[in-house]
Protein backbone atom coordinates (compact mmCIF):
# COMPACT_ATOMS: atom_id res chain seq x y z
CA UNK A 1 -6.32 17.81 14.19
CA UNK A 2 -5.78 19.34 10.73
CA UNK A 3 -8.92 20.45 8.85
CA UNK A 4 -11.78 21.46 11.17
CA UNK A 5 -15.35 20.29 10.59
CA UNK A 6 -18.64 22.16 10.58
CA UNK A 7 -21.84 20.48 11.79
CA UNK A 8 -24.62 21.88 9.62
CA UNK A 9 -28.41 21.89 9.89
CA UNK A 10 -28.76 22.25 6.14
CA UNK A 11 -26.51 22.30 3.12
CA UNK A 12 -25.33 25.68 1.85
CA UNK A 13 -26.17 26.75 -1.67
CA UNK A 14 -23.82 25.26 -4.23
CA UNK A 15 -23.35 22.49 -6.74
CA UNK A 16 -24.92 19.19 -5.59
CA UNK A 17 -23.81 15.85 -6.99
CA UNK A 18 -24.39 12.24 -5.93
CA UNK A 19 -21.24 10.32 -5.00
CA UNK A 20 -22.00 7.99 -7.92
CA UNK A 21 -20.98 10.77 -10.34
CA UNK A 22 -17.90 10.01 -12.46
CA UNK A 23 -14.72 11.76 -11.35
CA UNK A 24 -14.35 13.68 -14.64
CA UNK A 25 -17.86 15.11 -14.21
CA UNK A 26 -17.21 16.02 -10.57
CA UNK A 27 -14.00 17.81 -11.54
CA UNK A 28 -15.80 19.70 -14.30
CA UNK A 29 -18.50 20.78 -11.84
CA UNK A 30 -15.87 21.81 -9.28
CA UNK A 31 -14.23 24.30 -11.60
CA UNK A 32 -15.19 27.71 -10.25
CA UNK A 33 -17.62 26.27 -7.69
CA UNK A 34 -17.23 27.82 -4.24
CA UNK A 35 -19.34 25.08 -2.65
CA UNK A 36 -19.64 21.45 -3.72
CA UNK A 37 -22.08 19.14 -1.91
CA UNK A 38 -21.59 15.38 -2.33
CA UNK A 39 -24.67 13.31 -1.56
CA UNK A 40 -24.23 9.88 0.03
CA UNK A 41 -27.05 7.40 -0.66
CA UNK A 42 -25.64 4.86 1.81
CA UNK A 43 -23.08 5.15 4.60
CA UNK A 44 -21.32 2.05 3.21
CA UNK A 45 -20.56 3.82 -0.08
CA UNK A 46 -16.95 5.01 0.04
CA UNK A 47 -16.93 6.78 -3.30
CA UNK A 48 -17.58 10.17 -1.73
CA UNK A 49 -14.43 9.88 0.37
CA UNK A 50 -12.38 9.00 -2.72
CA UNK A 51 -13.83 11.89 -4.74
CA UNK A 52 -13.10 14.37 -1.96
CA UNK A 53 -9.52 13.17 -1.54
CA UNK A 54 -8.83 13.38 -5.30
CA UNK A 55 -10.33 16.86 -5.55
CA UNK A 56 -8.16 18.10 -2.69
CA UNK A 57 -5.06 16.42 -4.14
CA UNK A 58 -5.68 18.26 -7.41
CA UNK A 59 -6.00 21.68 -5.88
CA UNK A 60 -9.71 22.26 -5.22
CA UNK A 61 -9.95 24.96 -2.52
CA UNK A 62 -13.71 25.48 -2.30
CA UNK A 63 -15.97 24.15 0.45
CA UNK A 64 -16.72 20.44 0.33
CA UNK A 65 -19.89 19.40 2.16
CA UNK A 66 -21.12 15.86 2.82
CA UNK A 67 -24.86 15.23 2.91
CA UNK A 68 -27.03 12.13 3.07
CA UNK A 69 -26.86 8.84 4.87
CA UNK A 70 -23.82 9.16 7.09
CA UNK A 71 -23.10 8.11 10.68
CA UNK A 72 -20.96 9.70 13.45
CA UNK A 73 -18.33 6.96 13.14
CA UNK A 74 -17.37 8.51 9.77
CA UNK A 75 -16.77 12.01 11.13
CA UNK A 76 -13.00 11.85 11.27
CA UNK A 77 -12.64 10.14 7.91
CA UNK A 78 -14.83 12.80 6.29
CA UNK A 79 -12.52 15.48 7.66
CA UNK A 80 -9.34 13.65 6.69
CA UNK A 81 -10.65 13.07 3.16
CA UNK A 82 -11.06 16.82 2.71
CA UNK A 83 -14.64 17.68 3.69
CA UNK A 84 -15.27 20.97 5.47
CA UNK A 85 -18.67 20.09 6.84
CA UNK A 86 -21.41 17.50 7.12
CA UNK A 87 -25.16 18.03 7.07
CA UNK A 88 -26.67 16.28 10.09
CA UNK A 89 -30.04 14.61 9.75
CA UNK A 90 -33.00 15.68 11.82
CA UNK A 91 -32.59 14.50 15.40
CA UNK A 92 -28.86 13.84 15.01
CA UNK A 93 -26.72 14.10 18.12
CA UNK A 94 -24.09 16.70 17.26
CA UNK A 95 -22.14 15.83 20.41
CA UNK A 96 -21.82 12.25 19.15
CA UNK A 97 -20.32 13.54 15.89
CA UNK A 98 -17.86 15.72 17.77
CA UNK A 99 -16.86 12.87 20.07
CA UNK A 100 -16.22 10.51 17.15
CA UNK A 101 -14.23 13.16 15.29
CA UNK A 102 -11.96 13.56 18.32
CA UNK A 103 -11.90 9.92 19.38
CA UNK A 104 -8.53 8.99 17.82
CA UNK A 105 -5.24 10.83 17.48
CA UNK A 106 -3.28 8.16 15.55
CA UNK A 107 -3.74 7.42 11.85
CA UNK A 108 -3.35 4.19 9.96
CA UNK A 109 -3.57 5.52 6.40
CA UNK A 110 -2.22 8.56 4.59
CA UNK A 111 -5.12 10.69 3.32
CA UNK A 112 -5.77 14.32 2.39
CA UNK A 113 -4.38 15.82 5.58
CA UNK A 114 -0.92 14.21 5.13
CA UNK A 115 -0.85 12.78 8.65
CA UNK A 116 1.92 10.20 9.02
CA UNK A 117 0.39 6.72 9.54
CA UNK A 118 1.26 5.12 12.87
CA UNK A 119 2.95 2.08 11.33
CA UNK A 120 5.35 4.34 9.46
CA UNK A 121 5.82 6.66 12.42
CA UNK A 122 7.22 3.78 14.46
CA UNK A 123 9.78 2.98 11.73
CA UNK A 124 10.74 6.62 11.31
CA UNK A 125 11.42 7.03 15.00
CA UNK A 126 13.63 3.97 14.99
CA UNK A 127 15.70 4.68 11.87
CA UNK A 128 15.86 8.49 11.55
CA UNK A 129 15.75 8.30 7.75
CA UNK A 130 17.10 11.81 7.06
CA UNK A 131 20.37 10.90 8.75
CA UNK A 132 20.41 7.51 7.02
CA UNK A 133 19.99 9.06 3.56
CA UNK A 134 22.70 11.62 4.25
CA UNK A 135 25.08 8.91 5.46
CA UNK A 136 24.43 6.59 2.50
CA UNK A 137 24.97 9.38 -0.02
CA UNK A 138 28.23 10.25 1.69
CA UNK A 139 29.44 6.64 1.87
CA UNK A 140 28.63 5.85 -1.78
CA UNK A 141 30.02 9.10 -3.21
CA UNK A 142 32.00 8.19 -6.31
CA UNK A 143 30.74 4.61 -6.25
CA UNK A 144 29.01 2.80 -9.08
CA UNK A 145 25.48 1.41 -9.37
CA UNK A 146 26.43 -1.89 -7.72
CA UNK A 147 27.96 -0.06 -4.75
CA UNK A 148 24.72 1.89 -4.30
CA UNK A 149 22.61 -1.24 -4.53
CA UNK A 150 24.77 -3.22 -2.13
CA UNK A 151 24.62 -0.39 0.38
CA UNK A 152 20.82 -0.20 0.07
CA UNK A 153 20.37 -3.95 0.41
CA UNK A 154 22.76 -4.34 3.35
CA UNK A 155 20.75 -6.39 5.90
CA UNK A 156 22.30 -4.46 8.77
CA UNK A 157 20.25 -1.40 7.78
CA UNK A 158 17.05 -3.24 8.61
CA UNK A 159 15.25 -1.78 5.59
CA UNK A 160 12.43 -3.58 3.79
CA UNK A 161 13.10 -2.72 0.13
CA UNK A 162 11.42 -3.38 -3.20
CA UNK A 163 12.27 -2.55 -6.81
CA UNK A 164 9.83 -0.56 -8.91
CA UNK A 165 9.98 -1.59 -12.57
CA UNK A 166 7.87 -0.80 -15.62
CA UNK A 167 9.64 -3.54 -17.61
CA UNK A 168 10.12 -0.86 -20.23
CA UNK A 169 12.87 -0.06 -22.70
CA UNK A 170 15.71 0.27 -20.14
CA UNK A 171 14.36 -1.89 -17.32
CA UNK A 172 16.70 -4.82 -17.95
CA UNK A 173 19.72 -2.81 -16.79
CA UNK A 174 18.51 -2.17 -13.24
CA UNK A 175 16.92 -5.60 -12.93
CA UNK A 176 20.10 -7.35 -14.05
CA UNK A 177 22.02 -5.51 -11.34
CA UNK A 178 19.45 -6.50 -8.72
CA UNK A 179 19.57 -10.10 -9.94
CA UNK A 180 23.33 -10.17 -9.42
CA UNK A 181 23.11 -9.01 -5.83
CA UNK A 182 19.75 -10.14 -4.41
CA UNK A 183 17.42 -11.86 -6.91
CA UNK A 184 14.79 -12.45 -4.21
CA UNK A 185 14.22 -8.71 -3.77
CA UNK A 186 10.52 -7.95 -4.45
CA UNK A 187 9.91 -6.33 -7.85
CA UNK A 188 6.72 -4.25 -8.07
CA UNK A 189 5.08 -4.05 -11.50
CA UNK A 190 2.08 -1.73 -11.87
CA UNK A 191 -0.22 -3.75 -14.11
CA UNK A 192 -2.40 -0.84 -15.20
CA UNK A 193 -4.55 -2.83 -17.61
CA UNK A 194 -3.25 -0.52 -20.35
CA UNK A 195 0.16 -2.03 -21.09
CA UNK A 196 1.27 -3.16 -24.53
CA UNK A 197 0.97 -6.92 -24.90
CA UNK A 198 4.67 -6.88 -25.76
CA UNK A 199 5.42 -5.42 -22.30
CA UNK A 200 3.53 -8.20 -20.54
CA UNK A 201 5.38 -10.85 -22.54
CA UNK A 202 8.71 -9.11 -21.91
CA UNK A 203 8.04 -8.98 -18.17
CA UNK A 204 7.60 -12.73 -18.03
CA UNK A 205 10.56 -13.53 -20.27
CA UNK A 206 12.98 -11.10 -18.60
CA UNK A 207 12.04 -12.22 -15.09
CA UNK A 208 12.73 -15.83 -15.99
CA UNK A 209 15.96 -14.96 -17.79
CA UNK A 210 17.33 -13.03 -14.80
CA UNK A 211 16.06 -15.44 -12.15
CA UNK A 212 13.98 -12.86 -10.29
CA UNK A 213 11.82 -14.78 -7.84
CA UNK A 214 9.38 -12.24 -6.36
CA UNK A 215 7.50 -10.31 -9.06
CA UNK A 216 4.50 -8.54 -7.54
CA UNK A 217 1.75 -7.58 -9.99
CA UNK A 218 -0.20 -4.61 -8.67
CA UNK A 219 -3.52 -3.68 -10.26
CA UNK A 220 -6.03 -0.84 -9.76
CA UNK A 221 -8.74 -1.49 -7.19
CA UNK A 222 -11.61 -3.13 -9.06
CA UNK A 223 -14.28 -0.96 -7.46
CA UNK A 224 -12.38 2.28 -8.07
CA UNK A 225 -11.80 1.29 -11.67
CA UNK A 226 -15.49 0.46 -12.15
CA UNK A 227 -16.55 3.72 -10.52
CA UNK A 228 -14.04 6.09 -12.09
CA UNK A 229 -13.20 4.52 -15.44
CA UNK A 230 -15.82 1.91 -16.37
CA UNK A 231 -15.15 2.29 -20.11
CA UNK A 232 -11.34 2.50 -19.86
CA UNK A 233 -11.41 5.92 -21.50
CA UNK A 234 -10.37 8.18 -18.62
CA UNK A 235 -6.98 8.69 -20.28
CA UNK A 236 -8.67 10.67 -23.05
CA UNK A 237 -10.27 13.29 -20.81
CA UNK A 238 -7.92 13.34 -17.83
CA UNK A 239 -4.58 11.52 -18.09
CA UNK A 240 -3.60 12.69 -14.58
CA UNK A 241 -6.71 11.05 -13.12
CA UNK A 242 -6.00 7.89 -15.13
CA UNK A 243 -2.45 7.70 -13.78
CA UNK A 244 -3.73 8.34 -10.27
CA UNK A 245 -6.21 5.49 -10.55
CA UNK A 246 -3.93 3.00 -12.27
CA UNK A 247 -0.51 3.83 -10.84
CA UNK A 248 -0.32 6.26 -7.92
CA UNK A 249 -2.96 4.72 -5.67
CA UNK A 250 -2.07 1.07 -6.45
CA UNK A 251 1.61 1.77 -5.71
CA UNK A 252 0.72 3.38 -2.38
CA UNK A 253 -1.18 0.24 -1.40
CA UNK A 254 1.61 -2.04 -2.61
CA UNK A 255 4.27 -0.27 -0.55
CA UNK A 256 2.53 -0.67 2.79
CA UNK A 257 5.05 -2.37 5.08
CA UNK A 258 8.01 -1.47 2.85
CA UNK A 259 10.29 1.44 3.70
CA UNK A 260 12.71 1.57 0.74
CA UNK A 261 12.09 1.66 -3.01
CA UNK A 262 14.68 1.13 -5.75
CA UNK A 263 13.94 2.97 -9.01
CA UNK A 264 15.47 3.21 -12.46
CA UNK A 265 15.24 6.99 -12.74
CA UNK A 266 18.09 8.91 -14.37
CA UNK A 267 19.14 12.54 -14.43
CA UNK A 268 19.13 12.83 -18.21
CA UNK A 269 15.46 11.87 -18.58
CA UNK A 270 13.60 15.03 -17.51
CA UNK A 271 14.23 18.42 -15.97
CA UNK A 272 12.56 17.24 -12.75
CA UNK A 273 15.15 14.46 -12.46
CA UNK A 274 18.24 16.53 -13.26
CA UNK A 275 19.39 16.73 -9.64
CA UNK A 276 18.71 13.12 -8.62
CA UNK A 277 20.90 11.71 -5.85
CA UNK A 278 21.65 8.02 -5.24
CA UNK A 279 19.58 8.13 -2.05
CA UNK A 280 16.70 10.43 -1.20
CA UNK A 281 13.86 10.65 1.29
CA UNK A 282 10.49 10.63 -0.45
CA UNK A 283 7.25 10.73 1.54
CA UNK A 284 8.99 9.23 4.57
CA UNK A 285 10.43 6.36 2.58
CA UNK A 286 14.01 5.90 1.34
CA UNK A 287 14.27 5.91 -2.44
CA UNK A 288 17.35 4.54 -4.15
CA UNK A 289 18.40 5.55 -7.67
CA UNK A 290 21.43 3.40 -8.63
CA UNK A 291 21.39 4.61 -12.27
CA UNK A 292 20.98 8.30 -11.44
CA UNK A 293 24.05 9.39 -13.41
CA UNK A 294 23.91 6.87 -16.27
CA UNK A 295 23.73 8.15 -19.85
CA UNK A 296 21.87 6.45 -22.71
CA UNK A 297 25.23 5.41 -24.16
CA UNK A 298 26.24 3.72 -20.92
CA UNK A 299 22.88 1.93 -20.74
CA UNK A 300 23.33 0.63 -24.29
CA UNK A 301 26.83 -0.55 -23.48
CA UNK A 302 25.45 -2.52 -20.51
CA UNK A 303 22.83 -4.16 -22.72
CA UNK A 304 25.51 -5.23 -25.18
CA UNK A 305 28.03 -6.38 -22.59
CA UNK A 306 25.45 -8.51 -20.76
CA UNK A 307 23.70 -9.68 -23.92
CA UNK A 308 20.44 -8.55 -22.32
CA UNK A 309 17.20 -8.93 -24.27
CA UNK A 310 15.63 -5.70 -25.46
CA UNK A 311 11.98 -4.78 -25.14
CA UNK A 312 10.25 -5.94 -28.35
CA UNK A 313 9.09 -2.39 -29.14
CA UNK A 314 12.58 -0.90 -28.91
CA UNK A 315 13.30 -1.88 -32.50
CA UNK A 316 10.23 0.11 -33.58
CA UNK A 317 11.49 3.36 -32.10
CA UNK A 318 9.91 3.15 -28.64
CA UNK A 319 12.59 4.35 -26.23
CA UNK A 320 10.41 5.10 -23.19
CA UNK A 321 7.50 2.72 -22.81
CA UNK A 322 4.44 3.11 -20.62
CA UNK A 323 0.76 2.50 -21.25
CA UNK A 324 -0.24 2.17 -24.90
CA UNK A 325 -2.63 5.17 -25.08
CA UNK A 326 0.07 7.60 -23.88
CA UNK A 327 3.20 6.22 -25.57
CA UNK A 328 4.52 6.70 -29.09
CA UNK A 329 7.71 5.95 -30.96
CA UNK A 330 10.22 8.81 -31.21
CA UNK A 331 12.02 10.07 -34.28
CA UNK A 332 15.79 9.99 -34.70
CA UNK A 333 17.29 12.81 -32.66
CA UNK A 334 14.30 13.19 -30.34
CA UNK A 335 14.72 12.70 -26.61
CA UNK A 336 13.37 9.39 -25.41
CA UNK A 337 10.80 10.84 -22.97
CA UNK A 338 9.11 12.82 -25.75
CA UNK A 339 7.34 9.59 -26.58
CA UNK A 340 5.37 9.80 -23.33
CA UNK A 341 2.20 11.94 -23.20
CA UNK A 342 3.22 13.48 -26.51
CA UNK A 343 1.80 16.94 -27.11
CA UNK A 344 0.91 17.48 -23.45
CA UNK A 345 2.71 19.34 -20.69
CA UNK A 346 2.67 16.14 -18.64
CA UNK A 347 6.07 14.48 -18.16
CA UNK A 348 5.45 12.24 -15.13
CA UNK A 349 2.73 9.77 -14.18
CA UNK A 350 2.78 10.99 -10.59
CA UNK A 351 4.36 8.13 -8.66
CA UNK A 352 7.60 10.12 -8.31
CA UNK A 353 5.98 13.49 -7.60
CA UNK A 354 4.42 12.83 -4.21
CA UNK A 355 1.33 14.70 -3.06
CA UNK A 356 2.00 17.79 -5.17
CA UNK A 357 -1.30 19.53 -5.85
CA UNK A 358 -2.59 19.52 -9.42
CA UNK A 359 -4.68 22.64 -9.93
CA UNK A 360 -8.27 22.28 -11.12
CA UNK A 361 -9.42 24.91 -13.58
């Protein structure tokens, strides 16, 4: 069952906030708070569930209590989102809450408790992905990027793959390889609403040049964006929360029904990527890294050999390109990734880190 629930007659003493409170303010209030009570004005308002899940993802370990206009049907989702207890209204039937909390054993979404959704569980049982990843790494040992891609896209595997691309400074290399082998492979682009205009123009031009036929633009949920970042300034106060809103959550929604993701990550980029393998299992999904061992020199040679168009900002010193508020040009001799989240300890947006807790406080 995961996290247990408490059925309370009244809310314990602690910080009380309405679920309409902005995430940054909730996180600030949560720092050092042993008890945080989120007040629901209407049972249809899902913001409290989202706030609870984000707080738990980022390391909050205090008690989370739900209070207000809630119904027994929401018992299990409250628990799975990270709540420890719910305040029952006068005359509430506690047995009805308990029954609804225990009514289902299967899950259809991944939430705070990390339960494997039923649609993915079926695929896992059929394919045994750990063995598949081990076999593919063994079979492609010593092979090049095309060998890795062809192995991943082999129809006999029965995988449903997509390519993840930022259409950044080096994106053309991976996309040109995909275009050679299977140009109809879906390409997922996280349209954060914060990209450089040059990136948006490059995405269109490069897709047409390479003949890629299934570009999927993925945007943040409109309601979440309105609730959590109505002024588009969340990046200033909390870049992790901004990435979560604009990249991590949208990608999770976009990958529903897909069980393999092709990325352009490389070992030389960051310390976290230094041990990348061609194939890996990531959150119960196969991830493929055809360029894992490519150097910057090799990437440049591929650009020149294929006469591939460069990102318009490359000539201005941008060697790793993300959203405009968190990207700068780098100086000669600097590593390319130093242009991302410059001056901060942050080196990843979160889409490649999984559900690793980010501590609050």
